[in-house]
Amino acid sequence: MLLSEIAEKIIKKESNLSLENEVIVGNREEWYEESLIDPLIDYYSYDVLRLCGCGCPNDTLDVIRKYLHIRKDWKDNKCDYDEVQQRYKTELNIDDQDDIQWGLLQFMAYILDDRGFTEHGSSIGGCWLTEKGEMFLTVLDAWDQYNKEN
């Protein structure tokens, strides 16, 4: 899904003046796609997650991006439960023997689930991405790629 499609989908569902002012319905040009990265990151960060922007928000967004990739790969059957646990260790630096670290990971999972980015059945540890989570991950990947190139 393109960033422009995500932005259009968001403004169809809800009123968001700052995002609405950035959207040119039907435009799919490359320059325009790139211009939507910051407004969409702001929308998800401030309006959906209700973060404030102080501290190191880029670190927070990167951890969320990595976590959502792990959960997406699990949903898409690209990794099993043991691989998910290993990726928490290698990609998120989570020591599963440390209750504090495990608790912080679980807290993030609860928040992302509460905001509708994931859905879980019997356990938060088995959650999968919703359409909203897939859209957010697309935005985060575009943001990450843009930051690496610039």
N, C-alpha and C. Protein backbone atom coordinates (compact mmCIF):
# COMPACT_ATOMS: atom_id res chain seq x y z
N MET A 1 0.84 -1.17 0.00
CA MET A 1 0.00 0.00 0.00
C MET A 1 0.89 1.24 0.00
N LEU A 2 0.55 2.19 -0.82
CA LEU A 2 1.30 3.44 -0.90
C LEU A 2 0.95 4.37 0.26
N LEU A 3 1.87 5.27 0.59
CA LEU A 3 1.62 6.23 1.66
C LEU A 3 0.41 7.09 1.34
N SER A 4 0.26 7.47 0.08
CA SER A 4 -0.89 8.29 -0.31
C SER A 4 -2.20 7.54 -0.08
N GLU A 5 -2.21 6.25 -0.34
CA GLU A 5 -3.41 5.45 -0.10
C GLU A 5 -3.71 5.36 1.40
N ILE A 6 -2.67 5.22 2.20
CA ILE A 6 -2.83 5.18 3.65
C ILE A 6 -3.40 6.50 4.15
N ALA A 7 -2.82 7.61 3.70
CA ALA A 7 -3.29 8.94 4.13
C ALA A 7 -4.75 9.15 3.73
N GLU A 8 -5.10 8.76 2.52
CA GLU A 8 -6.49 8.92 2.08
C GLU A 8 -7.44 8.06 2.90
N LYS A 9 -7.00 6.87 3.23
CA LYS A 9 -7.82 5.97 4.04
C LYS A 9 -8.05 6.57 5.44
N ILE A 10 -7.01 7.15 6.00
CA ILE A 10 -7.12 7.75 7.34
C ILE A 10 -8.10 8.92 7.32
N ILE A 11 -7.95 9.82 6.36
CA ILE A 11 -8.83 11.00 6.38
C ILE A 11 -10.28 10.65 6.00
N LYS A 12 -10.48 9.52 5.33
CA LYS A 12 -11.84 9.06 5.07
C LYS A 12 -12.52 8.61 6.36
N LYS A 13 -11.73 7.99 7.24
CA LYS A 13 -12.28 7.42 8.47
C LYS A 13 -12.43 8.44 9.59
N GLU A 14 -11.57 9.45 9.61
CA GLU A 14 -11.60 10.40 10.72
C GLU A 14 -11.15 11.78 10.27
N SER A 15 -11.57 12.76 11.00
CA SER A 15 -11.16 14.13 10.70
C SER A 15 -9.83 14.41 11.39
N ASN A 16 -8.85 14.81 10.59
CA ASN A 16 -7.55 15.18 11.11
C ASN A 16 -7.02 16.31 10.24
N LEU A 17 -7.22 17.54 10.70
CA LEU A 17 -6.91 18.71 9.88
C LEU A 17 -5.47 18.76 9.42
N SER A 18 -4.53 18.44 10.32
CA SER A 18 -3.13 18.54 9.92
C SER A 18 -2.81 17.54 8.80
N LEU A 19 -3.38 16.36 8.87
CA LEU A 19 -3.15 15.38 7.81
C LEU A 19 -3.96 15.73 6.56
N GLU A 20 -5.19 16.18 6.75
CA GLU A 20 -6.04 16.55 5.61
C GLU A 20 -5.39 17.65 4.77
N ASN A 21 -4.69 18.57 5.42
CA ASN A 21 -4.03 19.66 4.69
C ASN A 21 -2.87 19.17 3.83
N GLU A 22 -2.36 17.99 4.08
CA GLU A 22 -1.22 17.44 3.33
C GLU A 22 -1.66 16.55 2.17
N VAL A 23 -2.90 16.10 2.19
CA VAL A 23 -3.35 15.09 1.23
C VAL A 23 -3.84 15.72 -0.07
N ILE A 24 -3.33 15.19 -1.17
CA ILE A 24 -3.78 15.52 -2.51
C ILE A 24 -4.38 14.23 -3.07
N VAL A 25 -5.69 14.10 -2.96
CA VAL A 25 -6.36 12.86 -3.32
C VAL A 25 -6.01 12.45 -4.76
N GLY A 26 -5.61 11.19 -4.90
CA GLY A 26 -5.31 10.63 -6.20
C GLY A 26 -3.86 10.79 -6.65
N ASN A 27 -3.10 11.64 -5.98
CA ASN A 27 -1.71 11.86 -6.37
C ASN A 27 -0.87 10.66 -5.92
N ARG A 28 -0.11 10.09 -6.85
CA ARG A 28 0.75 8.94 -6.54
C ARG A 28 2.19 9.20 -6.97
N GLU A 29 2.54 10.46 -7.19
CA GLU A 29 3.89 10.79 -7.63
C GLU A 29 4.90 10.54 -6.52
N GLU A 30 6.12 10.21 -6.91
CA GLU A 30 7.17 9.85 -5.95
C GLU A 30 7.46 10.99 -4.96
N TRP A 31 7.57 12.22 -5.45
CA TRP A 31 7.86 13.35 -4.56
C TRP A 31 6.77 13.51 -3.52
N TYR A 32 5.53 13.24 -3.94
CA TYR A 32 4.39 13.39 -3.03
C TYR A 32 4.40 12.29 -1.98
N GLU A 33 4.70 11.06 -2.40
CA GLU A 33 4.79 9.96 -1.44
C GLU A 33 5.80 10.30 -0.34
N GLU A 34 6.95 10.81 -0.75
CA GLU A 34 7.99 11.19 0.22
C GLU A 34 7.51 12.32 1.14
N SER A 35 6.75 13.24 0.59
CA SER A 35 6.27 14.38 1.39
C SER A 35 5.28 13.97 2.47
N LEU A 36 4.72 12.78 2.37
CA LEU A 36 3.74 12.30 3.35
C LEU A 36 4.37 11.60 4.55
N ILE A 37 5.66 11.30 4.47
CA ILE A 37 6.30 10.55 5.55
C ILE A 37 6.16 11.27 6.89
N ASP A 38 6.61 12.51 6.98
CA ASP A 38 6.55 13.22 8.26
C ASP A 38 5.13 13.44 8.76
N PRO A 39 4.19 13.88 7.92
CA PRO A 39 2.82 14.03 8.43
C PRO A 39 2.21 12.72 8.93
N LEU A 40 2.51 11.62 8.25
CA LEU A 40 1.98 10.34 8.71
C LEU A 40 2.66 9.87 9.99
N ILE A 41 3.96 10.07 10.09
CA ILE A 41 4.66 9.74 11.34
C ILE A 41 4.09 10.57 12.48
N ASP A 42 3.87 11.85 12.24
CA ASP A 42 3.27 12.72 13.26
C ASP A 42 1.88 12.23 13.66
N TYR A 43 1.08 11.87 12.69
CA TYR A 43 -0.27 11.38 12.96
C TYR A 43 -0.22 10.16 13.88
N TYR A 44 0.58 9.16 13.49
CA TYR A 44 0.65 7.95 14.30
C TYR A 44 1.29 8.21 15.66
N SER A 45 2.33 9.03 15.70
CA SER A 45 3.04 9.29 16.96
C SER A 45 2.18 10.08 17.94
N TYR A 46 1.61 11.17 17.47
CA TYR A 46 0.93 12.10 18.38
C TYR A 46 -0.56 11.82 18.51
N ASP A 47 -1.23 11.54 17.41
CA ASP A 47 -2.68 11.37 17.47
C ASP A 47 -3.10 9.96 17.89
N VAL A 48 -2.37 8.95 17.43
CA VAL A 48 -2.78 7.58 17.73
C VAL A 48 -2.07 7.05 18.98
N LEU A 49 -0.75 7.13 19.01
CA LEU A 49 -0.01 6.62 20.16
C LEU A 49 0.01 7.61 21.33
N ARG A 50 -0.25 8.87 21.01
CA ARG A 50 -0.27 9.94 22.02
C ARG A 50 1.08 10.14 22.70
N LEU A 51 2.15 10.04 21.88
CA LEU A 51 3.49 10.32 22.37
C LEU A 51 3.68 11.84 22.38
N CYS A 52 4.69 12.32 23.09
CA CYS A 52 4.88 13.77 23.18
C CYS A 52 5.99 14.30 22.28
N GLY A 53 6.94 13.52 21.92
CA GLY A 53 8.00 13.99 21.04
C GLY A 53 9.29 14.36 21.74
N CYS A 54 9.30 14.43 23.06
CA CYS A 54 10.56 14.72 23.75
C CYS A 54 11.36 13.42 23.90
N GLY A 55 12.54 13.54 24.41
CA GLY A 55 13.39 12.36 24.54
C GLY A 55 13.95 11.97 23.19
N CYS A 56 13.90 10.70 22.87
CA CYS A 56 14.41 10.18 21.60
C CYS A 56 13.29 9.43 20.87
N PRO A 57 12.33 10.18 20.30
CA PRO A 57 11.21 9.50 19.64
C PRO A 57 11.63 8.60 18.48
N ASN A 58 12.73 8.92 17.82
CA ASN A 58 13.18 8.07 16.72
C ASN A 58 13.55 6.68 17.22
N ASP A 59 14.14 6.60 18.41
CA ASP A 59 14.47 5.30 18.99
C ASP A 59 13.19 4.51 19.28
N THR A 60 12.20 5.20 19.81
CA THR A 60 10.93 4.56 20.13
C THR A 60 10.27 4.03 18.86
N LEU A 61 10.23 4.86 17.83
CA LEU A 61 9.61 4.44 16.56
C LEU A 61 10.36 3.27 15.93
N ASP A 62 11.68 3.26 16.06
CA ASP A 62 12.46 2.17 15.49
C ASP A 62 12.19 0.85 16.23
N VAL A 63 12.05 0.91 17.54
CA VAL A 63 11.73 -0.30 18.30
C VAL A 63 10.35 -0.81 17.90
N ILE A 64 9.39 0.09 17.75
CA ILE A 64 8.05 -0.31 17.33
C ILE A 64 8.11 -0.94 15.94
N ARG A 65 8.87 -0.34 15.03
CA ARG A 65 9.01 -0.86 13.67
C ARG A 65 9.56 -2.29 13.70
N LYS A 66 10.61 -2.50 14.48
CA LYS A 66 11.21 -3.84 14.56
C LYS A 66 10.24 -4.85 15.17
N TYR A 67 9.54 -4.43 16.22
CA TYR A 67 8.57 -5.32 16.86
C TYR A 67 7.45 -5.69 15.88
N LEU A 68 6.93 -4.71 15.17
CA LEU A 68 5.86 -4.99 14.21
C LEU A 68 6.34 -5.92 13.10
N HIS A 69 7.59 -5.79 12.68
CA HIS A 69 8.13 -6.71 11.68
C HIS A 69 8.18 -8.14 12.22
N ILE A 70 8.58 -8.29 13.45
CA ILE A 70 8.62 -9.63 14.05
C ILE A 70 7.22 -10.23 14.07
N ARG A 71 6.25 -9.43 14.51
CA ARG A 71 4.88 -9.93 14.59
C ARG A 71 4.31 -10.21 13.20
N LYS A 72 4.65 -9.39 12.21
CA LYS A 72 4.19 -9.61 10.84
C LYS A 72 4.77 -10.90 10.29
N ASP A 73 6.06 -11.11 10.51
CA ASP A 73 6.69 -12.33 10.02
C ASP A 73 6.08 -13.57 10.66
N TRP A 74 5.71 -13.46 11.94
CA TRP A 74 5.07 -14.58 12.61
C TRP A 74 3.71 -14.85 11.96
N LYS A 75 2.94 -13.78 11.74
CA LYS A 75 1.61 -13.91 11.12
C LYS A 75 1.72 -14.52 9.73
N ASP A 76 2.73 -14.09 8.98
CA ASP A 76 2.92 -14.57 7.60
C ASP A 76 3.63 -15.92 7.53
N ASN A 77 3.79 -16.57 8.69
CA ASN A 77 4.45 -17.88 8.79
C ASN A 77 5.89 -17.87 8.28
N LYS A 78 6.57 -16.74 8.43
CA LYS A 78 7.98 -16.66 8.05
C LYS A 78 8.89 -17.03 9.21
N CYS A 79 8.31 -17.14 10.40
CA CYS A 79 9.09 -17.59 11.56
C CYS A 79 8.14 -18.25 12.55
N ASP A 80 8.69 -19.17 13.34
CA ASP A 80 7.89 -19.85 14.34
C ASP A 80 8.10 -19.21 15.72
N TYR A 81 7.47 -19.75 16.73
CA TYR A 81 7.53 -19.19 18.08
C TYR A 81 8.97 -19.05 18.58
N ASP A 82 9.77 -20.07 18.38
CA ASP A 82 11.17 -20.02 18.85
C ASP A 82 11.96 -18.93 18.13
N GLU A 83 11.70 -18.78 16.84
CA GLU A 83 12.39 -17.72 16.08
C GLU A 83 11.95 -16.33 16.55
N VAL A 84 10.67 -16.19 16.89
CA VAL A 84 10.17 -14.92 17.43
C VAL A 84 10.93 -14.58 18.71
N GLN A 85 11.05 -15.56 19.60
CA GLN A 85 11.76 -15.34 20.86
C GLN A 85 13.22 -14.96 20.60
N GLN A 86 13.84 -15.62 19.64
CA GLN A 86 15.23 -15.32 19.29
C GLN A 86 15.35 -13.91 18.72
N ARG A 87 14.41 -13.51 17.89
CA ARG A 87 14.44 -12.17 17.30
C ARG A 87 14.22 -11.08 18.36
N TYR A 88 13.43 -11.38 19.37
CA TYR A 88 13.31 -10.41 20.47
C TYR A 88 14.69 -10.17 21.08
N LYS A 89 15.46 -11.25 21.21
CA LYS A 89 16.80 -11.13 21.79
C LYS A 89 17.75 -10.39 20.85
N THR A 90 17.77 -10.75 19.58
CA THR A 90 18.76 -10.19 18.66
C THR A 90 18.38 -8.83 18.11
N GLU A 91 17.10 -8.61 17.80
CA GLU A 91 16.69 -7.36 17.17
C GLU A 91 16.25 -6.29 18.17
N LEU A 92 15.71 -6.74 19.31
CA LEU A 92 15.24 -5.80 20.33
C LEU A 92 16.10 -5.81 21.59
N ASN A 93 17.10 -6.67 21.61
CA ASN A 93 18.00 -6.81 22.76
C ASN A 93 17.25 -7.13 24.06
N ILE A 94 16.24 -7.95 23.96
CA ILE A 94 15.44 -8.35 25.12
C ILE A 94 16.00 -9.65 25.69
N ASP A 95 16.33 -9.62 26.96
CA ASP A 95 16.76 -10.81 27.68
C ASP A 95 15.51 -11.43 28.30
N ASP A 96 15.07 -12.56 27.76
CA ASP A 96 13.82 -13.16 28.24
C ASP A 96 13.94 -13.72 29.66
N GLN A 97 15.13 -13.73 30.21
CA GLN A 97 15.33 -14.14 31.60
C GLN A 97 15.24 -12.95 32.56
N ASP A 98 15.17 -11.75 32.02
CA ASP A 98 15.09 -10.53 32.83
C ASP A 98 13.62 -10.08 32.86
N ASP A 99 13.00 -10.20 34.02
CA ASP A 99 11.58 -9.87 34.15
C ASP A 99 11.28 -8.41 33.80
N ILE A 100 12.21 -7.52 34.09
CA ILE A 100 11.99 -6.10 33.78
C ILE A 100 11.98 -5.88 32.27
N GLN A 101 12.95 -6.44 31.57
CA GLN A 101 12.98 -6.29 30.11
C GLN A 101 11.76 -6.95 29.47
N TRP A 102 11.44 -8.14 29.93
CA TRP A 102 10.28 -8.84 29.38
C TRP A 102 9.00 -8.05 29.66
N GLY A 103 8.92 -7.45 30.83
CA GLY A 103 7.76 -6.64 31.18
C GLY A 103 7.63 -5.41 30.29
N LEU A 104 8.77 -4.77 29.97
CA LEU A 104 8.73 -3.61 29.07
C LEU A 104 8.28 -4.00 27.67
N LEU A 105 8.76 -5.14 27.17
CA LEU A 105 8.33 -5.62 25.86
C LEU A 105 6.83 -5.89 25.88
N GLN A 106 6.38 -6.54 26.92
CA GLN A 106 4.96 -6.86 27.05
C GLN A 106 4.12 -5.59 27.16
N PHE A 107 4.62 -4.58 27.87
CA PHE A 107 3.90 -3.30 27.99
C PHE A 107 3.73 -2.66 26.61
N MET A 108 4.80 -2.67 25.81
CA MET A 108 4.71 -2.12 24.46
C MET A 108 3.67 -2.91 23.66
N ALA A 109 3.68 -4.22 23.80
CA ALA A 109 2.71 -5.06 23.08
C ALA A 109 1.29 -4.71 23.49
N TYR A 110 1.06 -4.48 24.79
CA TYR A 110 -0.27 -4.11 25.27
C TYR A 110 -0.72 -2.77 24.66
N ILE A 111 0.18 -1.80 24.65
CA ILE A 111 -0.16 -0.47 24.12
C ILE A 111 -0.47 -0.55 22.63
N LEU A 112 0.38 -1.25 21.87
CA LEU A 112 0.14 -1.36 20.43
C LEU A 112 -1.15 -2.11 20.15
N ASP A 113 -1.48 -3.08 20.98
CA ASP A 113 -2.73 -3.80 20.84
C ASP A 113 -3.91 -2.88 21.18
N ASP A 114 -3.78 -2.12 22.25
CA ASP A 114 -4.84 -1.19 22.66
C ASP A 114 -5.13 -0.15 21.59
N ARG A 115 -4.09 0.27 20.87
CA ARG A 115 -4.25 1.30 19.83
C ARG A 115 -4.70 0.71 18.49
N GLY A 116 -4.88 -0.62 18.45
CA GLY A 116 -5.43 -1.26 17.26
C GLY A 116 -4.42 -1.68 16.22
N PHE A 117 -3.14 -1.66 16.55
CA PHE A 117 -2.11 -2.07 15.59
C PHE A 117 -1.95 -3.58 15.54
N THR A 118 -2.30 -4.24 16.62
CA THR A 118 -2.26 -5.70 16.67
C THR A 118 -3.57 -6.20 17.24
N GLU A 119 -3.76 -7.49 17.08
CA GLU A 119 -4.92 -8.18 17.64
C GLU A 119 -4.37 -9.45 18.26
N HIS A 120 -4.90 -9.79 19.42
CA HIS A 120 -4.44 -11.05 20.00
C HIS A 120 -5.62 -11.93 20.37
N GLY A 121 -5.39 -13.20 20.23
CA GLY A 121 -6.42 -14.17 20.58
C GLY A 121 -6.35 -14.47 22.06
N SER A 122 -5.75 -15.58 22.39
CA SER A 122 -5.70 -16.00 23.79
C SER A 122 -4.57 -15.36 24.57
N SER A 123 -3.58 -14.77 23.87
CA SER A 123 -2.42 -14.23 24.57
C SER A 123 -1.79 -13.11 23.77
N ILE A 124 -1.31 -12.08 24.45
CA ILE A 124 -0.63 -10.98 23.78
C ILE A 124 0.62 -11.48 23.06
N GLY A 125 1.21 -12.54 23.55
CA GLY A 125 2.41 -13.10 22.94
C GLY A 125 2.18 -13.75 21.59
N GLY A 126 0.93 -13.95 21.23
CA GLY A 126 0.61 -14.55 19.94
C GLY A 126 -0.11 -13.58 19.01
N CYS A 127 0.09 -12.29 19.24
CA CYS A 127 -0.64 -11.28 18.46
C CYS A 127 -0.18 -11.22 17.01
N TRP A 128 -1.03 -10.64 16.20
CA TRP A 128 -0.75 -10.45 14.78
C TRP A 128 -1.14 -9.02 14.40
N LEU A 129 -0.63 -8.55 13.27
CA LEU A 129 -0.91 -7.20 12.82
C LEU A 129 -2.31 -7.10 12.23
N THR A 130 -2.97 -5.99 12.56
CA THR A 130 -4.24 -5.64 11.93
C THR A 130 -3.94 -4.86 10.66
N GLU A 131 -4.97 -4.48 9.93
CA GLU A 131 -4.77 -3.63 8.76
C GLU A 131 -4.12 -2.31 9.19
N LYS A 132 -4.57 -1.77 10.30
CA LYS A 132 -4.00 -0.53 10.84
C LYS A 132 -2.52 -0.72 11.17
N GLY A 133 -2.16 -1.86 11.73
CA GLY A 133 -0.77 -2.17 12.02
C GLY A 133 0.07 -2.31 10.77
N GLU A 134 -0.51 -2.92 9.74
CA GLU A 134 0.19 -3.06 8.45
C GLU A 134 0.45 -1.68 7.84
N MET A 135 -0.55 -0.79 7.94
CA MET A 135 -0.38 0.56 7.39
C MET A 135 0.70 1.32 8.17
N PHE A 136 0.68 1.22 9.50
CA PHE A 136 1.68 1.89 10.32
C PHE A 136 3.07 1.35 9.99
N LEU A 137 3.19 0.05 9.82
CA LEU A 137 4.48 -0.55 9.47
C LEU A 137 4.98 -0.04 8.12
N THR A 138 4.10 0.12 7.17
CA THR A 138 4.47 0.68 5.86
C THR A 138 5.03 2.09 6.02
N VAL A 139 4.37 2.89 6.85
CA VAL A 139 4.84 4.26 7.11
C VAL A 139 6.19 4.22 7.81
N LEU A 140 6.32 3.37 8.82
CA LEU A 140 7.59 3.27 9.56
C LEU A 140 8.73 2.81 8.65
N ASP A 141 8.45 1.90 7.74
CA ASP A 141 9.49 1.44 6.81
C ASP A 141 9.91 2.57 5.86
N ALA A 142 8.95 3.35 5.38
CA ALA A 142 9.27 4.48 4.51
C ALA A 142 10.09 5.51 5.28
N TRP A 143 9.72 5.76 6.53
CA TRP A 143 10.44 6.70 7.40
C TRP A 143 11.87 6.21 7.64
N ASP A 144 12.01 4.92 7.93
CA ASP A 144 13.33 4.33 8.17
C ASP A 144 14.21 4.44 6.91
N GLN A 145 13.66 4.08 5.77
CA GLN A 145 14.40 4.13 4.52
C GLN A 145 14.81 5.58 4.20
N TYR A 146 13.91 6.51 4.38
CA TYR A 146 14.20 7.92 4.12
C TYR A 146 15.35 8.40 5.02
N ASN A 147 15.29 8.02 6.29
CA ASN A 147 16.34 8.43 7.23
C ASN A 147 17.69 7.82 6.88
N LYS A 148 17.70 6.62 6.36
CA LYS A 148 18.96 5.97 5.97
C LYS A 148 19.57 6.64 4.74
N GLU A 149 18.71 7.12 3.85
CA GLU A 149 19.18 7.73 2.60
C GLU A 149 19.56 9.20 2.75
N ASN A 150 19.08 9.86 3.79
CA ASN A 150 19.29 11.30 3.93
C ASN A 150 20.02 11.67 5.18
